[in-house]
Amino acid sequence: MGDAPTLPLDSQLCFSIYSASIAIQRAYKPMLDKLGVTYTQYIVLSALWEIDGLTITAIAHRLALEPSTITPAVKRLESAGFVKRQRGASDERQVQVHLSLKGTNLHAKTGCLTDTLLRRSGFTVPEMIDLNREVQLLRDGMTKAEA
């Protein structure tokens, strides 16, 4: 393995996905700044827009992040009035996160992110759907191989 030639960065899928993710986050940043949230806070809210009342652990699992990454984001979202935290009735170690009205209303304002992604990528909607499906299959395959 030590004798194998190193592939140029642009030939490495991991780098292409990584740098594309950074480019997307850079494109989103000005819009997210106007909405008053960071990218991490946005994806936490996105998980809650799918299913409100998730625990910190469930949000972390959904986003493939550690709870220690989610907790500070949720605390800042709570300070900004987007969510409310509530300790579990049967297990106080579990913290449920619920959208506030402000957090619920923010969802309607995030369509600009998808519009920007489509416009900047030059992809059609069907092309973006196909790419997303392929990346999800890659992620799922890598996750299964890890387990």
N, C-alpha and C. Protein backbone atom coordinates (compact mmCIF):
# COMPACT_ATOMS: atom_id res chain seq x y z
N MET A 1 0.83 -1.19 0.00
CA MET A 1 0.00 0.00 0.00
C MET A 1 0.87 1.25 0.00
N GLY A 2 2.05 1.19 0.61
CA GLY A 2 2.94 2.34 0.65
C GLY A 2 3.51 2.70 -0.71
N ASP A 3 3.50 1.74 -1.67
CA ASP A 3 4.05 2.00 -3.00
C ASP A 3 3.01 2.54 -3.97
N ALA A 4 1.75 2.54 -3.60
CA ALA A 4 0.69 2.99 -4.49
C ALA A 4 0.80 4.50 -4.70
N PRO A 5 0.62 4.94 -5.95
CA PRO A 5 0.67 6.39 -6.19
C PRO A 5 -0.53 7.08 -5.55
N THR A 6 -0.31 8.28 -5.07
CA THR A 6 -1.38 9.07 -4.47
C THR A 6 -2.20 9.72 -5.58
N LEU A 7 -3.50 9.59 -5.48
CA LEU A 7 -4.38 10.22 -6.46
C LEU A 7 -4.38 11.73 -6.27
N PRO A 8 -4.45 12.49 -7.35
CA PRO A 8 -4.61 13.94 -7.19
C PRO A 8 -5.93 14.22 -6.45
N LEU A 9 -5.97 15.30 -5.72
CA LEU A 9 -7.16 15.63 -4.91
C LEU A 9 -8.45 15.58 -5.73
N ASP A 10 -8.43 16.16 -6.91
CA ASP A 10 -9.67 16.20 -7.71
C ASP A 10 -10.12 14.83 -8.18
N SER A 11 -9.28 13.82 -8.06
CA SER A 11 -9.66 12.45 -8.41
C SER A 11 -10.17 11.67 -7.21
N GLN A 12 -10.13 12.28 -6.04
CA GLN A 12 -10.58 11.63 -4.81
C GLN A 12 -12.01 12.06 -4.48
N LEU A 13 -12.91 11.11 -4.52
CA LEU A 13 -14.32 11.39 -4.25
C LEU A 13 -14.52 12.06 -2.90
N CYS A 14 -13.78 11.61 -1.88
CA CYS A 14 -13.94 12.19 -0.55
C CYS A 14 -13.66 13.69 -0.58
N PHE A 15 -12.64 14.11 -1.32
CA PHE A 15 -12.33 15.53 -1.39
C PHE A 15 -13.39 16.29 -2.19
N SER A 16 -13.88 15.69 -3.26
CA SER A 16 -14.92 16.35 -4.06
C SER A 16 -16.18 16.60 -3.23
N ILE A 17 -16.58 15.60 -2.45
CA ILE A 17 -17.77 15.76 -1.60
C ILE A 17 -17.51 16.77 -0.50
N TYR A 18 -16.34 16.70 0.12
CA TYR A 18 -15.96 17.64 1.18
C TYR A 18 -15.96 19.07 0.67
N SER A 19 -15.30 19.31 -0.46
CA SER A 19 -15.19 20.67 -0.97
C SER A 19 -16.53 21.17 -1.49
N ALA A 20 -17.37 20.27 -2.03
CA ALA A 20 -18.71 20.68 -2.45
C ALA A 20 -19.55 21.09 -1.25
N SER A 21 -19.41 20.37 -0.15
CA SER A 21 -20.13 20.71 1.07
C SER A 21 -19.71 22.09 1.58
N ILE A 22 -18.42 22.37 1.55
CA ILE A 22 -17.94 23.68 1.97
C ILE A 22 -18.48 24.78 1.06
N ALA A 23 -18.50 24.52 -0.25
CA ALA A 23 -19.01 25.50 -1.20
C ALA A 23 -20.49 25.78 -0.96
N ILE A 24 -21.25 24.75 -0.66
CA ILE A 24 -22.68 24.92 -0.37
C ILE A 24 -22.86 25.75 0.90
N GLN A 25 -22.09 25.42 1.94
CA GLN A 25 -22.20 26.18 3.19
C GLN A 25 -21.81 27.65 2.99
N ARG A 26 -20.82 27.91 2.15
CA ARG A 26 -20.44 29.30 1.86
C ARG A 26 -21.56 30.02 1.12
N ALA A 27 -22.22 29.33 0.22
CA ALA A 27 -23.34 29.93 -0.52
C ALA A 27 -24.51 30.22 0.43
N TYR A 28 -24.72 29.32 1.38
CA TYR A 28 -25.83 29.48 2.33
C TYR A 28 -25.57 30.55 3.38
N LYS A 29 -24.31 30.77 3.71
CA LYS A 29 -23.97 31.62 4.86
C LYS A 29 -24.64 32.99 4.86
N PRO A 30 -24.57 33.78 3.77
CA PRO A 30 -25.22 35.10 3.83
C PRO A 30 -26.72 35.03 4.10
N MET A 31 -27.37 34.01 3.55
CA MET A 31 -28.81 33.87 3.77
C MET A 31 -29.10 33.42 5.19
N LEU A 32 -28.30 32.48 5.69
CA LEU A 32 -28.48 32.03 7.07
C LEU A 32 -28.20 33.15 8.06
N ASP A 33 -27.19 33.98 7.75
CA ASP A 33 -26.89 35.14 8.60
C ASP A 33 -28.12 36.05 8.71
N LYS A 34 -28.79 36.27 7.57
CA LYS A 34 -29.99 37.12 7.58
C LYS A 34 -31.12 36.49 8.40
N LEU A 35 -31.15 35.16 8.41
CA LEU A 35 -32.17 34.45 9.18
C LEU A 35 -31.79 34.32 10.66
N GLY A 36 -30.53 34.60 10.97
CA GLY A 36 -30.08 34.58 12.35
C GLY A 36 -29.66 33.22 12.86
N VAL A 37 -29.24 32.32 11.96
CA VAL A 37 -28.81 30.98 12.37
C VAL A 37 -27.52 30.58 11.65
N THR A 38 -26.78 29.68 12.27
CA THR A 38 -25.60 29.09 11.63
C THR A 38 -26.05 27.86 10.83
N TYR A 39 -25.12 27.29 10.07
CA TYR A 39 -25.46 26.08 9.31
C TYR A 39 -25.85 24.94 10.25
N THR A 40 -25.08 24.75 11.31
CA THR A 40 -25.40 23.68 12.27
C THR A 40 -26.77 23.91 12.88
N GLN A 41 -27.08 25.14 13.24
CA GLN A 41 -28.41 25.43 13.79
C GLN A 41 -29.49 25.18 12.74
N TYR A 42 -29.21 25.50 11.50
CA TYR A 42 -30.17 25.27 10.41
C TYR A 42 -30.49 23.78 10.27
N ILE A 43 -29.47 22.92 10.30
CA ILE A 43 -29.76 21.50 10.14
C ILE A 43 -30.45 20.92 11.37
N VAL A 44 -30.17 21.48 12.55
CA VAL A 44 -30.92 21.08 13.75
C VAL A 44 -32.40 21.45 13.56
N LEU A 45 -32.65 22.67 13.12
CA LEU A 45 -34.03 23.10 12.87
C LEU A 45 -34.67 22.23 11.79
N SER A 46 -33.91 21.87 10.76
CA SER A 46 -34.45 21.02 9.69
C SER A 46 -34.91 19.68 10.24
N ALA A 47 -34.14 19.11 11.16
CA ALA A 47 -34.54 17.85 11.79
C ALA A 47 -35.84 18.04 12.57
N LEU A 48 -35.96 19.17 13.24
CA LEU A 48 -37.17 19.46 14.02
C LEU A 48 -38.36 19.79 13.12
N TRP A 49 -38.12 20.36 11.95
CA TRP A 49 -39.21 20.60 11.01
C TRP A 49 -39.76 19.27 10.49
N GLU A 50 -38.91 18.25 10.46
CA GLU A 50 -39.38 16.91 10.08
C GLU A 50 -40.19 16.28 11.22
N ILE A 51 -39.63 16.31 12.44
CA ILE A 51 -40.27 15.71 13.61
C ILE A 51 -39.98 16.62 14.81
N ASP A 52 -40.97 17.35 15.25
CA ASP A 52 -40.80 18.23 16.40
C ASP A 52 -40.75 17.40 17.69
N GLY A 53 -40.01 17.88 18.68
CA GLY A 53 -39.96 17.23 19.97
C GLY A 53 -38.91 16.14 20.09
N LEU A 54 -37.95 16.11 19.17
CA LEU A 54 -36.87 15.12 19.26
C LEU A 54 -35.99 15.40 20.47
N THR A 55 -35.36 14.36 20.98
CA THR A 55 -34.38 14.55 22.04
C THR A 55 -33.06 15.00 21.41
N ILE A 56 -32.17 15.53 22.23
CA ILE A 56 -30.83 15.91 21.77
C ILE A 56 -30.16 14.70 21.11
N THR A 57 -30.28 13.54 21.75
CA THR A 57 -29.67 12.32 21.22
C THR A 57 -30.25 11.95 19.86
N ALA A 58 -31.56 12.07 19.71
CA ALA A 58 -32.22 11.75 18.44
C ALA A 58 -31.79 12.73 17.34
N ILE A 59 -31.67 14.00 17.69
CA ILE A 59 -31.21 14.99 16.71
C ILE A 59 -29.79 14.65 16.28
N ALA A 60 -28.93 14.34 17.25
CA ALA A 60 -27.54 14.00 16.95
C ALA A 60 -27.48 12.79 16.03
N HIS A 61 -28.30 11.78 16.32
CA HIS A 61 -28.32 10.58 15.49
C HIS A 61 -28.80 10.92 14.07
N ARG A 62 -29.86 11.70 13.96
CA ARG A 62 -30.41 12.08 12.65
C ARG A 62 -29.38 12.84 11.81
N LEU A 63 -28.56 13.66 12.46
CA LEU A 63 -27.59 14.49 11.75
C LEU A 63 -26.20 13.85 11.67
N ALA A 64 -26.05 12.66 12.22
CA ALA A 64 -24.76 11.96 12.25
C ALA A 64 -23.70 12.81 12.93
N LEU A 65 -24.10 13.44 14.03
CA LEU A 65 -23.19 14.26 14.84
C LEU A 65 -23.24 13.78 16.28
N GLU A 66 -22.33 14.27 17.07
CA GLU A 66 -22.30 13.92 18.50
C GLU A 66 -23.24 14.84 19.28
N PRO A 67 -23.88 14.31 20.33
CA PRO A 67 -24.72 15.17 21.16
C PRO A 67 -23.96 16.39 21.69
N SER A 68 -22.66 16.24 21.92
CA SER A 68 -21.87 17.38 22.41
C SER A 68 -21.76 18.49 21.37
N THR A 69 -22.00 18.18 20.11
CA THR A 69 -22.05 19.20 19.06
C THR A 69 -23.43 19.84 18.99
N ILE A 70 -24.45 19.05 19.23
CA ILE A 70 -25.84 19.51 19.12
C ILE A 70 -26.23 20.40 20.31
N THR A 71 -25.81 20.05 21.50
CA THR A 71 -26.24 20.77 22.70
C THR A 71 -25.95 22.27 22.63
N PRO A 72 -24.73 22.71 22.28
CA PRO A 72 -24.50 24.16 22.20
C PRO A 72 -25.35 24.84 21.12
N ALA A 73 -25.55 24.16 20.00
CA ALA A 73 -26.38 24.73 18.93
C ALA A 73 -27.82 24.91 19.41
N VAL A 74 -28.33 23.91 20.13
CA VAL A 74 -29.70 23.99 20.65
C VAL A 74 -29.81 25.10 21.70
N LYS A 75 -28.80 25.23 22.55
CA LYS A 75 -28.82 26.29 23.56
C LYS A 75 -28.87 27.66 22.90
N ARG A 76 -28.09 27.85 21.82
CA ARG A 76 -28.11 29.14 21.11
C ARG A 76 -29.45 29.35 20.40
N LEU A 77 -30.02 28.27 19.85
CA LEU A 77 -31.34 28.39 19.22
C LEU A 77 -32.40 28.77 20.26
N GLU A 78 -32.27 28.22 21.46
CA GLU A 78 -33.21 28.56 22.53
C GLU A 78 -33.05 30.02 22.94
N SER A 79 -31.82 30.47 23.07
CA SER A 79 -31.56 31.88 23.43
C SER A 79 -32.13 32.84 22.39
N ALA A 80 -32.11 32.41 21.13
CA ALA A 80 -32.63 33.24 20.04
C ALA A 80 -34.14 33.11 19.89
N GLY A 81 -34.77 32.21 20.66
CA GLY A 81 -36.22 32.08 20.64
C GLY A 81 -36.76 31.13 19.58
N PHE A 82 -35.91 30.30 18.96
CA PHE A 82 -36.37 29.38 17.91
C PHE A 82 -36.89 28.05 18.47
N VAL A 83 -36.38 27.64 19.63
CA VAL A 83 -36.78 26.36 20.22
C VAL A 83 -36.92 26.51 21.73
N LYS A 84 -37.53 25.49 22.32
CA LYS A 84 -37.63 25.38 23.78
C LYS A 84 -37.13 23.99 24.15
N ARG A 85 -36.33 23.93 25.21
CA ARG A 85 -35.86 22.63 25.72
C ARG A 85 -36.72 22.23 26.90
N GLN A 86 -36.92 20.92 27.03
CA GLN A 86 -37.73 20.40 28.13
C GLN A 86 -37.15 19.06 28.57
N ARG A 87 -36.91 18.93 29.84
CA ARG A 87 -36.41 17.66 30.40
C ARG A 87 -37.50 16.61 30.31
N GLY A 88 -37.10 15.38 30.03
CA GLY A 88 -38.05 14.28 29.93
C GLY A 88 -38.73 14.02 31.26
N ALA A 89 -40.00 13.71 31.23
CA ALA A 89 -40.77 13.45 32.46
C ALA A 89 -40.31 12.15 33.11
N SER A 90 -40.06 11.12 32.32
CA SER A 90 -39.67 9.83 32.88
C SER A 90 -38.16 9.71 33.08
N ASP A 91 -37.39 10.51 32.33
CA ASP A 91 -35.93 10.47 32.44
C ASP A 91 -35.39 11.88 32.24
N GLU A 92 -35.00 12.51 33.33
CA GLU A 92 -34.56 13.90 33.27
C GLU A 92 -33.25 14.08 32.52
N ARG A 93 -32.55 12.97 32.25
CA ARG A 93 -31.32 13.07 31.46
C ARG A 93 -31.63 13.35 30.00
N GLN A 94 -32.83 12.97 29.58
CA GLN A 94 -33.25 13.20 28.20
C GLN A 94 -33.82 14.61 28.07
N VAL A 95 -33.32 15.34 27.09
CA VAL A 95 -33.80 16.70 26.85
C VAL A 95 -34.51 16.72 25.50
N GLN A 96 -35.80 17.03 25.54
CA GLN A 96 -36.56 17.16 24.31
C GLN A 96 -36.47 18.60 23.82
N VAL A 97 -36.47 18.75 22.50
CA VAL A 97 -36.38 20.06 21.89
C VAL A 97 -37.65 20.27 21.04
N HIS A 98 -38.34 21.36 21.32
CA HIS A 98 -39.58 21.70 20.61
C HIS A 98 -39.41 23.04 19.91
N LEU A 99 -39.96 23.11 18.72
CA LEU A 99 -39.95 24.38 17.98
C LEU A 99 -40.86 25.39 18.68
N SER A 100 -40.42 26.63 18.70
CA SER A 100 -41.31 27.72 19.13
C SER A 100 -42.05 28.20 17.87
N LEU A 101 -42.95 29.11 18.04
CA LEU A 101 -43.64 29.69 16.88
C LEU A 101 -42.62 30.35 15.94
N LYS A 102 -41.65 31.04 16.53
CA LYS A 102 -40.60 31.68 15.73
C LYS A 102 -39.82 30.64 14.92
N GLY A 103 -39.50 29.50 15.55
CA GLY A 103 -38.79 28.44 14.86
C GLY A 103 -39.61 27.80 13.76
N THR A 104 -40.90 27.62 14.03
CA THR A 104 -41.80 27.06 13.02
C THR A 104 -41.92 28.02 11.83
N ASN A 105 -42.07 29.30 12.12
CA ASN A 105 -42.23 30.30 11.05
C ASN A 105 -40.98 30.47 10.21
N LEU A 106 -39.82 30.18 10.77
CA LEU A 106 -38.57 30.32 10.01
C LEU A 106 -38.52 29.38 8.82
N HIS A 107 -39.17 28.24 8.93
CA HIS A 107 -39.15 27.23 7.87
C HIS A 107 -39.55 27.82 6.52
N ALA A 108 -40.58 28.61 6.51
CA ALA A 108 -41.07 29.20 5.26
C ALA A 108 -40.06 30.14 4.61
N LYS A 109 -39.12 30.64 5.39
CA LYS A 109 -38.14 31.60 4.88
C LYS A 109 -36.88 30.93 4.34
N THR A 110 -36.80 29.60 4.38
CA THR A 110 -35.57 28.91 3.99
C THR A 110 -35.58 28.40 2.55
N GLY A 111 -36.64 28.65 1.83
CA GLY A 111 -36.70 28.22 0.43
C GLY A 111 -35.60 28.83 -0.43
N CYS A 112 -35.10 29.99 -0.01
CA CYS A 112 -34.03 30.66 -0.76
C CYS A 112 -32.77 29.79 -0.82
N LEU A 113 -32.58 28.93 0.16
CA LEU A 113 -31.40 28.07 0.18
C LEU A 113 -31.44 27.08 -0.99
N THR A 114 -32.56 26.42 -1.17
CA THR A 114 -32.71 25.47 -2.27
C THR A 114 -32.63 26.19 -3.61
N ASP A 115 -33.27 27.34 -3.70
CA ASP A 115 -33.22 28.12 -4.95
C ASP A 115 -31.78 28.48 -5.30
N THR A 116 -31.01 28.91 -4.32
CA THR A 116 -29.62 29.29 -4.54
C THR A 116 -28.79 28.08 -4.95
N LEU A 117 -29.00 26.96 -4.29
CA LEU A 117 -28.27 25.74 -4.63
C LEU A 117 -28.53 25.34 -6.08
N LEU A 118 -29.77 25.35 -6.49
CA LEU A 118 -30.11 24.99 -7.87
C LEU A 118 -29.52 25.99 -8.86
N ARG A 119 -29.67 27.26 -8.57
CA ARG A 119 -29.17 28.29 -9.49
C ARG A 119 -27.66 28.21 -9.65
N ARG A 120 -26.94 28.13 -8.54
CA ARG A 120 -25.48 28.12 -8.60
C ARG A 120 -24.91 26.83 -9.18
N SER A 121 -25.60 25.72 -8.94
CA SER A 121 -25.08 24.44 -9.42
C SER A 121 -25.28 24.28 -10.92
N GLY A 122 -26.30 24.92 -11.44
CA GLY A 122 -26.63 24.74 -12.85
C GLY A 122 -27.38 23.44 -13.11
N PHE A 123 -27.73 22.72 -12.03
CA PHE A 123 -28.45 21.46 -12.17
C PHE A 123 -29.94 21.74 -12.31
N THR A 124 -30.62 20.82 -12.98
CA THR A 124 -32.07 20.85 -13.00
C THR A 124 -32.56 20.18 -11.71
N VAL A 125 -33.83 20.33 -11.42
CA VAL A 125 -34.38 19.68 -10.23
C VAL A 125 -34.21 18.16 -10.32
N PRO A 126 -34.56 17.51 -11.45
CA PRO A 126 -34.35 16.06 -11.52
C PRO A 126 -32.88 15.66 -11.37
N GLU A 127 -31.96 16.44 -11.91
CA GLU A 127 -30.53 16.13 -11.76
C GLU A 127 -30.11 16.23 -10.29
N MET A 128 -30.61 17.24 -9.60
CA MET A 128 -30.27 17.41 -8.18
C MET A 128 -30.85 16.26 -7.35
N ILE A 129 -32.06 15.85 -7.67
CA ILE A 129 -32.68 14.72 -6.97
C ILE A 129 -31.86 13.46 -7.19
N ASP A 130 -31.43 13.22 -8.43
CA ASP A 130 -30.62 12.04 -8.73
C ASP A 130 -29.28 12.09 -8.00
N LEU A 131 -28.62 13.24 -8.01
CA LEU A 131 -27.34 13.37 -7.31
C LEU A 131 -27.52 13.12 -5.82
N ASN A 132 -28.55 13.70 -5.24
CA ASN A 132 -28.83 13.52 -3.82
C ASN A 132 -29.04 12.04 -3.50
N ARG A 133 -29.79 11.36 -4.34
CA ARG A 133 -30.04 9.93 -4.14
C ARG A 133 -28.73 9.14 -4.18
N GLU A 134 -27.85 9.46 -5.11
CA GLU A 134 -26.56 8.76 -5.23
C GLU A 134 -25.68 9.02 -4.01
N VAL A 135 -25.63 10.26 -3.57
CA VAL A 135 -24.83 10.59 -2.39
C VAL A 135 -25.39 9.89 -1.15
N GLN A 136 -26.70 9.81 -1.03
CA GLN A 136 -27.32 9.09 0.09
C GLN A 136 -26.96 7.61 0.04
N LEU A 137 -26.96 7.01 -1.14
CA LEU A 137 -26.57 5.60 -1.28
C LEU A 137 -25.12 5.40 -0.86
N LEU A 138 -24.26 6.34 -1.24
CA LEU A 138 -22.85 6.28 -0.82
C LEU A 138 -22.75 6.36 0.69
N ARG A 139 -23.44 7.35 1.28
CA ARG A 139 -23.43 7.52 2.74
C ARG A 139 -23.92 6.25 3.44
N ASP A 140 -25.04 5.72 2.95
CA ASP A 140 -25.61 4.53 3.58
C ASP A 140 -24.67 3.33 3.47
N GLY A 141 -24.03 3.18 2.32
CA GLY A 141 -23.08 2.09 2.14
C GLY A 141 -21.88 2.23 3.06
N MET A 142 -21.38 3.45 3.20
CA MET A 142 -20.24 3.70 4.08
C MET A 142 -20.63 3.47 5.54
N THR A 143 -21.84 3.85 5.91
CA THR A 143 -22.32 3.67 7.28
C THR A 143 -22.48 2.19 7.60
N LYS A 144 -23.04 1.42 6.65
CA LYS A 144 -23.22 -0.02 6.87
C LYS A 144 -21.86 -0.71 6.99
N ALA A 145 -20.90 -0.31 6.17
CA ALA A 145 -19.58 -0.92 6.20
C ALA A 145 -18.88 -0.62 7.53
N GLU A 146 -19.18 0.54 8.10
CA GLU A 146 -18.59 0.97 9.37
C GLU A 146 -19.10 0.13 10.54
N ALA A 147 -20.37 -0.26 10.44
CA ALA A 147 -21.01 -1.01 11.55
C ALA A 147 -20.67 -2.46 11.56
